[in-house]
Every structure is written in structure tokens, then in C-alpha cells.
PDB file of N, CA and C in Angstrom:
ATOM      1  N   MET A   1       0.815  -1.179   0.004  1.00  0.00           N
ATOM      2  CA  MET A   1       0.051  -0.006   0.025  1.00  0.00           C
ATOM      3  C   MET A   1       0.824   1.271   0.046  1.00  0.00           C
ATOM      4  N   SER A   2       2.005   1.203   0.701  1.00  0.00           N
ATOM      5  CA  SER A   2       2.893   2.434   0.755  1.00  0.00           C
ATOM      6  C   SER A   2       3.446   2.689  -0.614  1.00  0.00           C
ATOM      7  N   ILE A   3       3.698   1.631  -1.413  1.00  0.00           N
ATOM      8  CA  ILE A   3       4.207   1.791  -2.803  1.00  0.00           C
ATOM      9  C   ILE A   3       3.166   2.550  -3.608  1.00  0.00           C
ATOM     10  N   LEU A   4       1.896   2.190  -3.457  1.00  0.00           N
ATOM     11  CA  LEU A   4       0.863   2.812  -4.218  1.00  0.00           C
ATOM     12  C   LEU A   4       0.792   4.317  -3.831  1.00  0.00           C
ATOM     13  N   LYS A   5       0.949   4.659  -2.610  1.00  0.00           N
ATOM     14  CA  LYS A   5       0.898   6.081  -2.159  1.00  0.00           C
ATOM     15  C   LYS A   5       2.054   6.851  -2.736  1.00  0.00           C
ATOM     16  N   LYS A   6       3.228   6.214  -2.968  1.00  0.00           N
ATOM     17  CA  LYS A   6       4.327   6.933  -3.535  1.00  0.00           C
ATOM     18  C   LYS A   6       4.071   7.427  -4.943  1.00  0.00           C
ATOM     19  N   TYR A   7       3.400   6.551  -5.689  1.00  0.00           N
ATOM     20  CA  TYR A   7       3.242   6.883  -7.151  1.00  0.00           C
ATOM     21  C   TYR A   7       1.812   7.450  -7.507  1.00  0.00           C
ATOM     22  N   PHE A   8       0.891   7.369  -6.577  1.00  0.00           N
ATOM     23  CA  PHE A   8      -0.462   7.736  -6.842  1.00  0.00           C
ATOM     24  C   PHE A   8      -0.920   8.879  -5.897  1.00  0.00           C
ATOM     25  N   SER A   9      -1.408   9.923  -6.443  1.00  0.00           N
ATOM     26  CA  SER A   9      -1.940  11.029  -5.649  1.00  0.00           C
ATOM     27  C   SER A   9      -3.410  11.210  -6.114  1.00  0.00           C
ATOM     28  N   PHE A  10      -4.344  11.076  -5.212  1.00  0.00           N
ATOM     29  CA  PHE A  10      -5.738  11.239  -5.485  1.00  0.00           C
ATOM     30  C   PHE A  10      -6.001  12.618  -6.072  1.00  0.00           C
ATOM     31  N   GLU A  11      -5.454  13.589  -5.453  1.00  0.00           N
ATOM     32  CA  GLU A  11      -5.686  15.008  -5.862  1.00  0.00           C
ATOM     33  C   GLU A  11      -5.137  15.242  -7.250  1.00  0.00           C
ATOM     34  N   LEU A  12      -3.947  14.757  -7.540  1.00  0.00           N
ATOM     35  CA  LEU A  12      -3.346  14.879  -8.833  1.00  0.00           C
ATOM     36  C   LEU A  12      -4.137  14.232  -9.932  1.00  0.00           C
ATOM     37  N   SER A  13      -4.604  13.031  -9.713  1.00  0.00           N
ATOM     38  CA  SER A  13      -5.433  12.340 -10.732  1.00  0.00           C
ATOM     39  C   SER A  13      -6.760  12.974 -10.867  1.00  0.00           C
ATOM     40  N   PHE A  14      -7.357  13.523  -9.743  1.00  0.00           N
ATOM     41  CA  PHE A  14      -8.650  14.201  -9.858  1.00  0.00           C
ATOM     42  C   PHE A  14      -8.554  15.457 -10.740  1.00  0.00           C
ATOM     43  N   TRP A  15      -7.505  16.269 -10.544  1.00  0.00           N
ATOM     44  CA  TRP A  15      -7.424  17.509 -11.404  1.00  0.00           C
ATOM     45  C   TRP A  15      -7.119  17.172 -12.841  1.00  0.00           C
ATOM     46  N   ILE A  16      -6.303  16.161 -13.126  1.00  0.00           N
ATOM     47  CA  ILE A  16      -5.988  15.743 -14.461  1.00  0.00           C
ATOM     48  C   ILE A  16      -7.294  15.225 -15.172  1.00  0.00           C
ATOM     49  N   ILE A  17      -7.996  14.369 -14.467  1.00  0.00           N
ATOM     50  CA  ILE A  17      -9.255  13.859 -15.059  1.00  0.00           C
ATOM     51  C   ILE A  17     -10.262  14.974 -15.282  1.00  0.00           C
ATOM     52  N   ALA A  18     -10.360  15.892 -14.319  1.00  0.00           N
ATOM     53  CA  ALA A  18     -11.296  17.013 -14.498  1.00  0.00           C
ATOM     54  C   ALA A  18     -10.956  17.857 -15.685  1.00  0.00           C
ATOM     55  N   LEU A  19      -9.643  18.151 -15.916  1.00  0.00           N
ATOM     56  CA  LEU A  19      -9.295  18.951 -17.134  1.00  0.00           C
ATOM     57  C   LEU A  19      -9.543  18.077 -18.429  1.00  0.00           C
ATOM     58  N   ILE A  20      -9.252  16.800 -18.352  1.00  0.00           N
ATOM     59  CA  ILE A  20      -9.537  16.030 -19.573  1.00  0.00           C
ATOM     60  C   ILE A  20     -11.004  16.037 -19.879  1.00  0.00           C
ATOM     61  N   TYR A  21     -11.874  15.909 -18.846  1.00  0.00           N
ATOM     62  CA  TYR A  21     -13.270  15.959 -18.969  1.00  0.00           C
ATOM     63  C   TYR A  21     -13.729  17.290 -19.590  1.00  0.00           C
ATOM     64  N   LEU A  22     -13.229  18.367 -19.068  1.00  0.00           N
ATOM     65  CA  LEU A  22     -13.622  19.706 -19.575  1.00  0.00           C
ATOM     66  C   LEU A  22     -13.091  19.936 -21.010  1.00  0.00           C
ATOM     67  N   ALA A  23     -12.020  19.259 -21.405  1.00  0.00           N
ATOM     68  CA  ALA A  23     -11.523  19.380 -22.759  1.00  0.00           C
ATOM     69  C   ALA A  23     -12.326  18.564 -23.694  1.00  0.00           C
ATOM     70  N   VAL A  24     -12.998  17.499 -23.215  1.00  0.00           N
ATOM     71  CA  VAL A  24     -13.743  16.634 -24.100  1.00  0.00           C
ATOM     72  C   VAL A  24     -15.236  17.082 -24.265  1.00  0.00           C
ATOM     73  N   ILE A  25     -15.810  17.668 -23.260  1.00  0.00           N
ATOM     74  CA  ILE A  25     -17.250  18.023 -23.324  1.00  0.00           C
ATOM     75  C   ILE A  25     -17.438  19.151 -24.357  1.00  0.00           C
ATOM     76  N   GLU A  26     -18.699  19.290 -24.744  1.00  0.00           N
ATOM     77  CA  GLU A  26     -19.147  20.420 -25.565  1.00  0.00           C
ATOM     78  C   GLU A  26     -19.672  21.490 -24.614  1.00  0.00           C
ATOM     79  N   PRO A  27     -18.991  22.575 -24.415  1.00  0.00           N
ATOM     80  CA  PRO A  27     -19.349  23.536 -23.363  1.00  0.00           C
ATOM     81  C   PRO A  27     -20.665  24.256 -23.589  1.00  0.00           C
ATOM     82  N   SER A  28     -21.143  24.276 -24.855  1.00  0.00           N
ATOM     83  CA  SER A  28     -22.392  25.011 -25.104  1.00  0.00           C
ATOM     84  C   SER A  28     -23.593  24.216 -24.674  1.00  0.00           C
ATOM     85  N   GLN A  29     -23.434  22.930 -24.407  1.00  0.00           N
ATOM     86  CA  GLN A  29     -24.565  22.106 -23.948  1.00  0.00           C
ATOM     87  C   GLN A  29     -24.616  22.100 -22.447  1.00  0.00           C
ATOM     88  N   SER A  30     -25.764  21.872 -21.856  1.00  0.00           N
ATOM     89  CA  SER A  30     -25.863  21.828 -20.416  1.00  0.00           C
ATOM     90  C   SER A  30     -25.538  20.478 -19.915  1.00  0.00           C
ATOM     91  N   HIS A  31     -24.873  20.328 -18.789  1.00  0.00           N
ATOM     92  CA  HIS A  31     -24.449  19.065 -18.181  1.00  0.00           C
ATOM     93  C   HIS A  31     -24.905  19.014 -16.732  1.00  0.00           C
ATOM     94  N   PHE A  32     -24.692  17.829 -16.165  1.00  0.00           N
ATOM     95  CA  PHE A  32     -25.008  17.690 -14.668  1.00  0.00           C
ATOM     96  C   PHE A  32     -24.196  18.685 -13.918  1.00  0.00           C
ATOM     97  N   SER A  33     -24.858  19.196 -12.842  1.00  0.00           N
ATOM     98  CA  SER A  33     -24.174  20.249 -12.032  1.00  0.00           C
ATOM     99  C   SER A  33     -24.141  19.753 -10.553  1.00  0.00           C
ATOM    100  N   PHE A  34     -23.037  19.959  -9.954  1.00  0.00           N
ATOM    101  CA  PHE A  34     -22.822  19.703  -8.532  1.00  0.00           C
ATOM    102  C   PHE A  34     -23.191  20.972  -7.696  1.00  0.00           C
ATOM    103  N   CYS A  35     -23.611  22.024  -8.344  1.00  0.00           N
ATOM    104  CA  CYS A  35     -23.868  23.255  -7.668  1.00  0.00           C
ATOM    105  C   CYS A  35     -25.063  23.156  -6.727  1.00  0.00           C
ATOM    106  N   LEU A  36     -24.795  23.443  -5.442  1.00  0.00           N
ATOM    107  CA  LEU A  36     -25.824  23.389  -4.440  1.00  0.00           C
ATOM    108  C   LEU A  36     -26.956  24.364  -4.682  1.00  0.00           C
ATOM    109  N   PHE A  37     -26.532  25.565  -5.110  1.00  0.00           N
ATOM    110  CA  PHE A  37     -27.562  26.670  -5.378  1.00  0.00           C
ATOM    111  C   PHE A  37     -28.475  26.255  -6.561  1.00  0.00           C
ATOM    112  N   LYS A  38     -27.881  25.684  -7.598  1.00  0.00           N
ATOM    113  CA  LYS A  38     -28.701  25.260  -8.745  1.00  0.00           C
ATOM    114  C   LYS A  38     -29.557  24.118  -8.367  1.00  0.00           C
ATOM    115  N   ASN A  39     -29.104  23.206  -7.611  1.00  0.00           N
ATOM    116  CA  ASN A  39     -29.889  22.009  -7.242  1.00  0.00           C
ATOM    117  C   ASN A  39     -30.988  22.317  -6.204  1.00  0.00           C
ATOM    118  N   ILE A  40     -30.939  23.387  -5.492  1.00  0.00           N
ATOM    119  CA  ILE A  40     -32.043  23.766  -4.634  1.00  0.00           C
ATOM    120  C   ILE A  40     -32.984  24.765  -5.252  1.00  0.00           C
ATOM    121  N   GLY A  41     -32.707  25.141  -6.514  1.00  0.00           N
ATOM    122  CA  GLY A  41     -33.648  25.928  -7.330  1.00  0.00           C
ATOM    123  C   GLY A  41     -33.230  27.395  -7.424  1.00  0.00           C
ATOM    124  N   LEU A  42     -32.167  27.907  -6.870  1.00  0.00           N
ATOM    125  CA  LEU A  42     -31.748  29.211  -7.031  1.00  0.00           C
ATOM    126  C   LEU A  42     -31.065  29.461  -8.355  1.00  0.00           C
ATOM    127  N   SER A  43     -31.289  30.597  -8.969  1.00  0.00           N
ATOM    128  CA  SER A  43     -30.835  30.796 -10.303  1.00  0.00           C
ATOM    129  C   SER A  43     -29.425  31.437 -10.341  1.00  0.00           C
ATOM    130  N   TRP A  44     -29.082  32.059  -9.236  1.00  0.00           N
ATOM    131  CA  TRP A  44     -27.792  32.773  -9.232  1.00  0.00           C
ATOM    132  C   TRP A  44     -26.762  32.040  -8.279  1.00  0.00           C
ATOM    133  N   CYS A  45     -25.544  31.917  -8.791  1.00  0.00           N
ATOM    134  CA  CYS A  45     -24.461  31.312  -8.027  1.00  0.00           C
ATOM    135  C   CYS A  45     -23.154  31.971  -8.489  1.00  0.00           C
ATOM    136  N   PRO A  46     -22.274  32.361  -7.542  1.00  0.00           N
ATOM    137  CA  PRO A  46     -21.037  32.993  -7.985  1.00  0.00           C
ATOM    138  C   PRO A  46     -20.098  32.127  -8.764  1.00  0.00           C
ATOM    139  N   GLY A  47     -20.200  30.779  -8.676  1.00  0.00           N
ATOM    140  CA  GLY A  47     -19.306  29.928  -9.276  1.00  0.00           C
ATOM    141  C   GLY A  47     -19.832  29.250 -10.512  1.00  0.00           C
ATOM    142  N   CYS A  48     -21.094  29.402 -10.782  1.00  0.00           N
ATOM    143  CA  CYS A  48     -21.759  28.703 -11.902  1.00  0.00           C
ATOM    144  C   CYS A  48     -21.153  29.304 -13.204  1.00  0.00           C
ATOM    145  N   GLY A  49     -20.845  28.422 -14.098  1.00  0.00           N
ATOM    146  CA  GLY A  49     -20.248  28.779 -15.394  1.00  0.00           C
ATOM    147  C   GLY A  49     -18.777  28.701 -15.452  1.00  0.00           C
ATOM    148  N   ILE A  50     -18.111  28.480 -14.325  1.00  0.00           N
ATOM    149  CA  ILE A  50     -16.638  28.440 -14.365  1.00  0.00           C
ATOM    150  C   ILE A  50     -16.115  27.229 -15.093  1.00  0.00           C
ATOM    151  N   GLY A  51     -16.847  26.111 -14.964  1.00  0.00           N
ATOM    152  CA  GLY A  51     -16.500  24.860 -15.649  1.00  0.00           C
ATOM    153  C   GLY A  51     -16.632  25.102 -17.192  1.00  0.00           C
ATOM    154  N   HIS A  52     -17.749  25.686 -17.531  1.00  0.00           N
ATOM    155  CA  HIS A  52     -17.978  25.971 -18.962  1.00  0.00           C
ATOM    156  C   HIS A  52     -16.961  26.947 -19.502  1.00  0.00           C
ATOM    157  N   SER A  53     -16.560  27.948 -18.622  1.00  0.00           N
ATOM    158  CA  SER A  53     -15.563  28.875 -19.054  1.00  0.00           C
ATOM    159  C   SER A  53     -14.199  28.196 -19.261  1.00  0.00           C
ATOM    160  N   ILE A  54     -13.838  27.244 -18.436  1.00  0.00           N
ATOM    161  CA  ILE A  54     -12.554  26.527 -18.652  1.00  0.00           C
ATOM    162  C   ILE A  54     -12.642  25.675 -19.864  1.00  0.00           C
ATOM    163  N   ALA A  55     -13.877  25.029 -20.095  1.00  0.00           N
ATOM    164  CA  ALA A  55     -14.006  24.209 -21.278  1.00  0.00           C
ATOM    165  C   ALA A  55     -13.880  25.051 -22.532  1.00  0.00           C
ATOM    166  N   TYR A  56     -14.474  26.182 -22.514  1.00  0.00           N
ATOM    167  CA  TYR A  56     -14.326  27.098 -23.671  1.00  0.00           C
ATOM    168  C   TYR A  56     -12.832  27.468 -23.898  1.00  0.00           C
ATOM    169  N   LEU A  57     -12.069  27.734 -22.816  1.00  0.00           N
ATOM    170  CA  LEU A  57     -10.625  28.067 -22.914  1.00  0.00           C
ATOM    171  C   LEU A  57      -9.900  26.830 -23.477  1.00  0.00           C
ATOM    172  N   LEU A  58     -10.171  25.663 -23.016  1.00  0.00           N
ATOM    173  CA  LEU A  58      -9.503  24.467 -23.551  1.00  0.00           C
ATOM    174  C   LEU A  58      -9.855  24.195 -24.986  1.00  0.00           C
ATOM    175  N   HIS A  59     -10.979  24.725 -25.493  1.00  0.00           N
ATOM    176  CA  HIS A  59     -11.375  24.587 -26.900  1.00  0.00           C
ATOM    177  C   HIS A  59     -10.838  25.775 -27.714  1.00  0.00           C
ATOM    178  N   GLY A  60     -10.228  26.724 -27.014  1.00  0.00           N
ATOM    179  CA  GLY A  60      -9.617  27.860 -27.716  1.00  0.00           C
ATOM    180  C   GLY A  60     -10.537  29.080 -27.929  1.00  0.00           C
ATOM    181  N   ASP A  61     -11.664  29.106 -27.295  1.00  0.00           N
ATOM    182  CA  ASP A  61     -12.608  30.216 -27.507  1.00  0.00           C
ATOM    183  C   ASP A  61     -12.547  31.120 -26.289  1.00  0.00           C
ATOM    184  N   VAL A  62     -11.583  31.996 -26.307  1.00  0.00           N
ATOM    185  CA  VAL A  62     -11.293  32.913 -25.178  1.00  0.00           C
ATOM    186  C   VAL A  62     -12.425  33.870 -24.960  1.00  0.00           C
ATOM    187  N   ILE A  63     -13.038  34.396 -26.001  1.00  0.00           N
ATOM    188  CA  ILE A  63     -14.103  35.426 -25.765  1.00  0.00           C
ATOM    189  C   ILE A  63     -15.313  34.784 -25.114  1.00  0.00           C
ATOM    190  N   LYS A  64     -15.780  33.605 -25.579  1.00  0.00           N
ATOM    191  CA  LYS A  64     -16.900  32.948 -24.894  1.00  0.00           C
ATOM    192  C   LYS A  64     -16.560  32.507 -23.527  1.00  0.00           C
ATOM    193  N   SER A  65     -15.345  32.165 -23.294  1.00  0.00           N
ATOM    194  CA  SER A  65     -14.907  31.813 -21.978  1.00  0.00           C
ATOM    195  C   SER A  65     -15.067  32.965 -21.008  1.00  0.00           C
ATOM    196  N   PHE A  66     -14.584  34.157 -21.415  1.00  0.00           N
ATOM    197  CA  PHE A  66     -14.682  35.328 -20.552  1.00  0.00           C
ATOM    198  C   PHE A  66     -16.094  35.765 -20.394  1.00  0.00           C
ATOM    199  N   HIS A  67     -16.953  35.600 -21.360  1.00  0.00           N
ATOM    200  CA  HIS A  67     -18.360  35.957 -21.206  1.00  0.00           C
ATOM    201  C   HIS A  67     -19.109  34.982 -20.339  1.00  0.00           C
ATOM    202  N   THR A  68     -18.670  33.677 -20.304  1.00  0.00           N
ATOM    203  CA  THR A  68     -19.318  32.723 -19.445  1.00  0.00           C
ATOM    204  C   THR A  68     -18.986  32.964 -17.969  1.00  0.00           C
ATOM    205  N   HIS A  69     -17.707  33.130 -17.678  1.00  0.00           N
ATOM    206  CA  HIS A  69     -17.297  33.451 -16.303  1.00  0.00           C
ATOM    207  C   HIS A  69     -15.942  34.165 -16.392  1.00  0.00           C
ATOM    208  N   PHE A  70     -15.845  35.335 -15.880  1.00  0.00           N
ATOM    209  CA  PHE A  70     -14.549  36.119 -16.079  1.00  0.00           C
ATOM    210  C   PHE A  70     -13.395  35.545 -15.266  1.00  0.00           C
ATOM    211  N   LEU A  71     -13.620  34.630 -14.373  1.00  0.00           N
ATOM    212  CA  LEU A  71     -12.504  34.064 -13.571  1.00  0.00           C
ATOM    213  C   LEU A  71     -12.048  32.717 -14.155  1.00  0.00           C
ATOM    214  N   GLY A  72     -12.563  32.322 -15.223  1.00  0.00           N
ATOM    215  CA  GLY A  72     -12.251  31.049 -15.849  1.00  0.00           C
ATOM    216  C   GLY A  72     -10.789  30.859 -16.139  1.00  0.00           C
ATOM    217  N   THR A  73     -10.150  31.933 -16.758  1.00  0.00           N
ATOM    218  CA  THR A  73      -8.744  31.901 -17.009  1.00  0.00           C
ATOM    219  C   THR A  73      -7.875  31.716 -15.744  1.00  0.00           C
ATOM    220  N   PHE A  74      -8.233  32.509 -14.750  1.00  0.00           N
ATOM    221  CA  PHE A  74      -7.559  32.457 -13.478  1.00  0.00           C
ATOM    222  C   PHE A  74      -7.683  31.092 -12.826  1.00  0.00           C
ATOM    223  N   ALA A  75      -8.898  30.482 -12.889  1.00  0.00           N
ATOM    224  CA  ALA A  75      -9.099  29.204 -12.296  1.00  0.00           C
ATOM    225  C   ALA A  75      -8.290  28.110 -13.060  1.00  0.00           C
ATOM    226  N   LEU A  76      -8.201  28.166 -14.320  1.00  0.00           N
ATOM    227  CA  LEU A  76      -7.423  27.222 -15.100  1.00  0.00           C
ATOM    228  C   LEU A  76      -5.935  27.371 -14.774  1.00  0.00           C
ATOM    229  N   LEU A  77      -5.433  28.566 -14.633  1.00  0.00           N
ATOM    230  CA  LEU A  77      -4.024  28.794 -14.250  1.00  0.00           C
ATOM    231  C   LEU A  77      -3.728  28.243 -12.844  1.00  0.00           C
ATOM    232  N   VAL A  78      -4.696  28.427 -11.902  1.00  0.00           N
ATOM    233  CA  VAL A  78      -4.529  27.865 -10.573  1.00  0.00           C
ATOM    234  C   VAL A  78      -4.483  26.344 -10.579  1.00  0.00           C
ATOM    235  N   ILE A  79      -5.415  25.719 -11.384  1.00  0.00           N
ATOM    236  CA  ILE A  79      -5.422  24.308 -11.462  1.00  0.00           C
ATOM    237  C   ILE A  79      -4.154  23.713 -12.072  1.00  0.00           C
ATOM    238  N   VAL A  80      -3.688  24.348 -13.178  1.00  0.00           N
ATOM    239  CA  VAL A  80      -2.435  23.907 -13.789  1.00  0.00           C
ATOM    240  C   VAL A  80      -1.261  24.037 -12.886  1.00  0.00           C
ATOM    241  N   TYR A  81      -1.209  25.175 -12.138  1.00  0.00           N
ATOM    242  CA  TYR A  81      -0.167  25.367 -11.164  1.00  0.00           C
ATOM    243  C   TYR A  81      -0.187  24.325 -10.113  1.00  0.00           C
ATOM    244  N   ARG A  82      -1.367  23.935  -9.647  1.00  0.00           N
ATOM    245  CA  ARG A  82      -1.516  22.883  -8.593  1.00  0.00           C
ATOM    246  C   ARG A  82      -1.062  21.548  -9.172  1.00  0.00           C
ATOM    247  N   ILE A  83      -1.336  21.247 -10.415  1.00  0.00           N
ATOM    248  CA  ILE A  83      -0.962  20.009 -11.002  1.00  0.00           C
ATOM    249  C   ILE A  83       0.612  19.928 -11.040  1.00  0.00           C
ATOM    250  N   VAL A  84       1.219  21.038 -11.429  1.00  0.00           N
ATOM    251  CA  VAL A  84       2.661  21.079 -11.522  1.00  0.00           C
ATOM    252  C   VAL A  84       3.223  20.934 -10.126  1.00  0.00           C
ATOM    253  N   GLN A  85       2.638  21.549  -9.065  1.00  0.00           N
ATOM    254  CA  GLN A  85       3.095  21.370  -7.711  1.00  0.00           C
ATOM    255  C   GLN A  85       3.073  19.925  -7.303  1.00  0.00           C
ATOM    256  N   LEU A  86       1.950  19.259  -7.583  1.00  0.00           N
ATOM    257  CA  LEU A  86       1.749  17.869  -7.143  1.00  0.00           C
ATOM    258  C   LEU A  86       2.759  16.945  -7.861  1.00  0.00           C
ATOM    259  N   ILE A  87       2.960  17.222  -9.143  1.00  0.00           N
ATOM    260  CA  ILE A  87       3.936  16.392  -9.864  1.00  0.00           C
ATOM    261  C   ILE A  87       5.346  16.556  -9.309  1.00  0.00           C
ATOM    262  N   ASN A  88       5.728  17.758  -9.030  1.00  0.00           N
ATOM    263  CA  ASN A  88       7.021  18.022  -8.432  1.00  0.00           C
ATOM    264  C   ASN A  88       7.151  17.404  -7.087  1.00  0.00           C
ATOM    265  N   LYS A  89       6.105  17.461  -6.293  1.00  0.00           N
ATOM    266  CA  LYS A  89       6.070  16.829  -4.947  1.00  0.00           C
ATOM    267  C   LYS A  89       6.267  15.364  -5.055  1.00  0.00           C
ATOM    268  N   ASN A  90       5.546  14.714  -6.018  1.00  0.00           N
ATOM    269  CA  ASN A  90       5.651  13.275  -6.125  1.00  0.00           C
ATOM    270  C   ASN A  90       7.099  12.914  -6.624  1.00  0.00           C
ATOM    271  N   LYS A  91       7.702  13.734  -7.476  1.00  0.00           N
ATOM    272  CA  LYS A  91       9.096  13.489  -7.943  1.00  0.00           C
ATOM    273  C   LYS A  91      10.064  13.537  -6.759  1.00  0.00           C
ATOM    274  N   SER A  92       9.896  14.598  -5.961  1.00  0.00           N
ATOM    275  CA  SER A  92      10.805  14.761  -4.844  1.00  0.00           C
ATOM    276  C   SER A  92      10.637  13.685  -3.755  1.00  0.00           C
ATOM    277  N   ASN A  93       9.367  13.249  -3.607  1.00  0.00           N
ATOM    278  CA  ASN A  93       9.146  12.146  -2.625  1.00  0.00           C
ATOM    279  C   ASN A  93       9.789  10.848  -3.152  1.00  0.00           C
ATOM    280  N   GLN A  94       9.752  10.629  -4.481  1.00  0.00           N
ATOM    281  CA  GLN A  94      10.345   9.384  -5.030  1.00  0.00           C
ATOM    282  C   GLN A  94      11.857   9.456  -4.869  1.00  0.00           C
ATOM    283  N   ASN A  95      12.440  10.660  -5.124  1.00  0.00           N
ATOM    284  CA  ASN A  95      13.891  10.799  -5.002  1.00  0.00           C
ATOM    285  C   ASN A  95      14.342  10.640  -3.576  1.00  0.00           C
ATOM    286  N   GLN A  96      13.569  11.268  -2.626  1.00  0.00           N
ATOM    287  CA  GLN A  96      13.947  11.147  -1.206  1.00  0.00           C
ATOM    288  C   GLN A  96      13.857   9.746  -0.719  1.00  0.00           C
ATOM    289  N   SER A  97      12.796   9.019  -1.124  1.00  0.00           N
ATOM    290  CA  SER A  97      12.685   7.632  -0.699  1.00  0.00           C
ATOM    291  C   SER A  97      13.742   6.755  -1.259  1.00  0.00           C
ATOM    292  N   TYR A  98      14.136   7.056  -2.532  1.00  0.00           N
ATOM    293  CA  TYR A  98      15.226   6.326  -3.157  1.00  0.00           C
ATOM    294  C   TYR A  98      16.581   6.557  -2.427  1.00  0.00           C
ATOM    295  N   GLY A  99      16.794   7.796  -2.092  1.00  0.00           N
ATOM    296  CA  GLY A  99      18.042   8.106  -1.349  1.00  0.00           C
ATOM    297  C   GLY A  99      18.094   7.466   0.023  1.00  0.00           C
ATOM    298  N   LYS A 100      16.964   7.424   0.721  1.00  0.00           N
ATOM    299  CA  LYS A 100      16.926   6.792   2.000  1.00  0.00           C
ATOM    300  C   LYS A 100      17.180   5.290   1.938  1.00  0.00           C
ATOM    301  N   SER A 101      16.642   4.652   0.854  1.00  0.00           N
ATOM    302  CA  SER A 101      16.852   3.221   0.734  1.00  0.00           C
ATOM    303  C   SER A 101      18.323   2.940   0.446  1.00  0.00           C
ATOM    304  N   ILE A 102      19.011   3.744  -0.225  1.00  0.00           N
ATOM    305  CA  ILE A 102      20.439   3.562  -0.526  1.00  0.00           C
ATOM    306  C   ILE A 102      21.236   3.718   0.807  1.00  0.00           C
ATOM    307  N   LEU A 103      20.861   4.721   1.615  1.00  0.00           N
ATOM    308  CA  LEU A 103      21.572   4.993   2.862  1.00  0.00           C
ATOM    309  C   LEU A 103      21.350   3.849   3.836  1.00  0.00           C
ATOM    310  N   LYS A 104      20.237   3.229   3.832  1.00  0.00           N
ATOM    311  CA  LYS A 104      19.931   2.157   4.811  1.00  0.00           C
ATOM    312  C   LYS A 104      20.659   0.894   4.431  1.00  0.00           C
ATOM    313  N   SER A 105      21.078   0.746   3.234  1.00  0.00           N
ATOM    314  CA  SER A 105      21.687  -0.537   2.776  1.00  0.00           C
ATOM    315  C   SER A 105      23.002  -0.680   3.385  1.00  0.00           C
TER     316      SER A 105
END
């Protein structure tokens, strides 16, 4: 189990799968929403549209992305930055554990 934890990060895989999903969907169509406000019947939510905005960005339509949600570009940059952080963290953990195993021998 500890070997699996070295090479697998739930958060890293979650963000990568989420971006792949947003790149594959057609953003102009409506999809299932996890939005609590939308599910209880309220029409306004500060975060609604950010997924569609990111999807438009991944499809190369910057203007529609900005019109859908003005923070979509910022959100995409934050997610990509987090993915890079997690990849670097996994690499450093692998290198550290490798070095420890050599020192223990």
C-alpha cells in the first residue's frame, strides 16, 4: 500500500481527469451540475459557469470563456499550477525515498 501512495496521488489524478473531462465536453450544452444553489432551485451562483468557461478556454474560444465566467482563465491557471506542484512533490518524494533506501543498505 505504501508503494501505491508513492506513485499515486488522488488530488493529482482528480485534477487531471477534471481537465480532460472539460476538454472533451461540448461547453455549449448543459451538463449535470454539482452546484448546491442550482440543485435547490436558486438561479444565481457566484461559481456557476466556471467549468464551462474553462471548457471554452480548452477549446480555444477565449471570448466565450470570458463571457461565461470572467474568472475562468484564473481558475485554469490555478489548477495547472496545482498539478505542477503535485507532480514536483511526487518526484521529490520518489527521489527522497530512493536516497533513504540507499543509505539504509
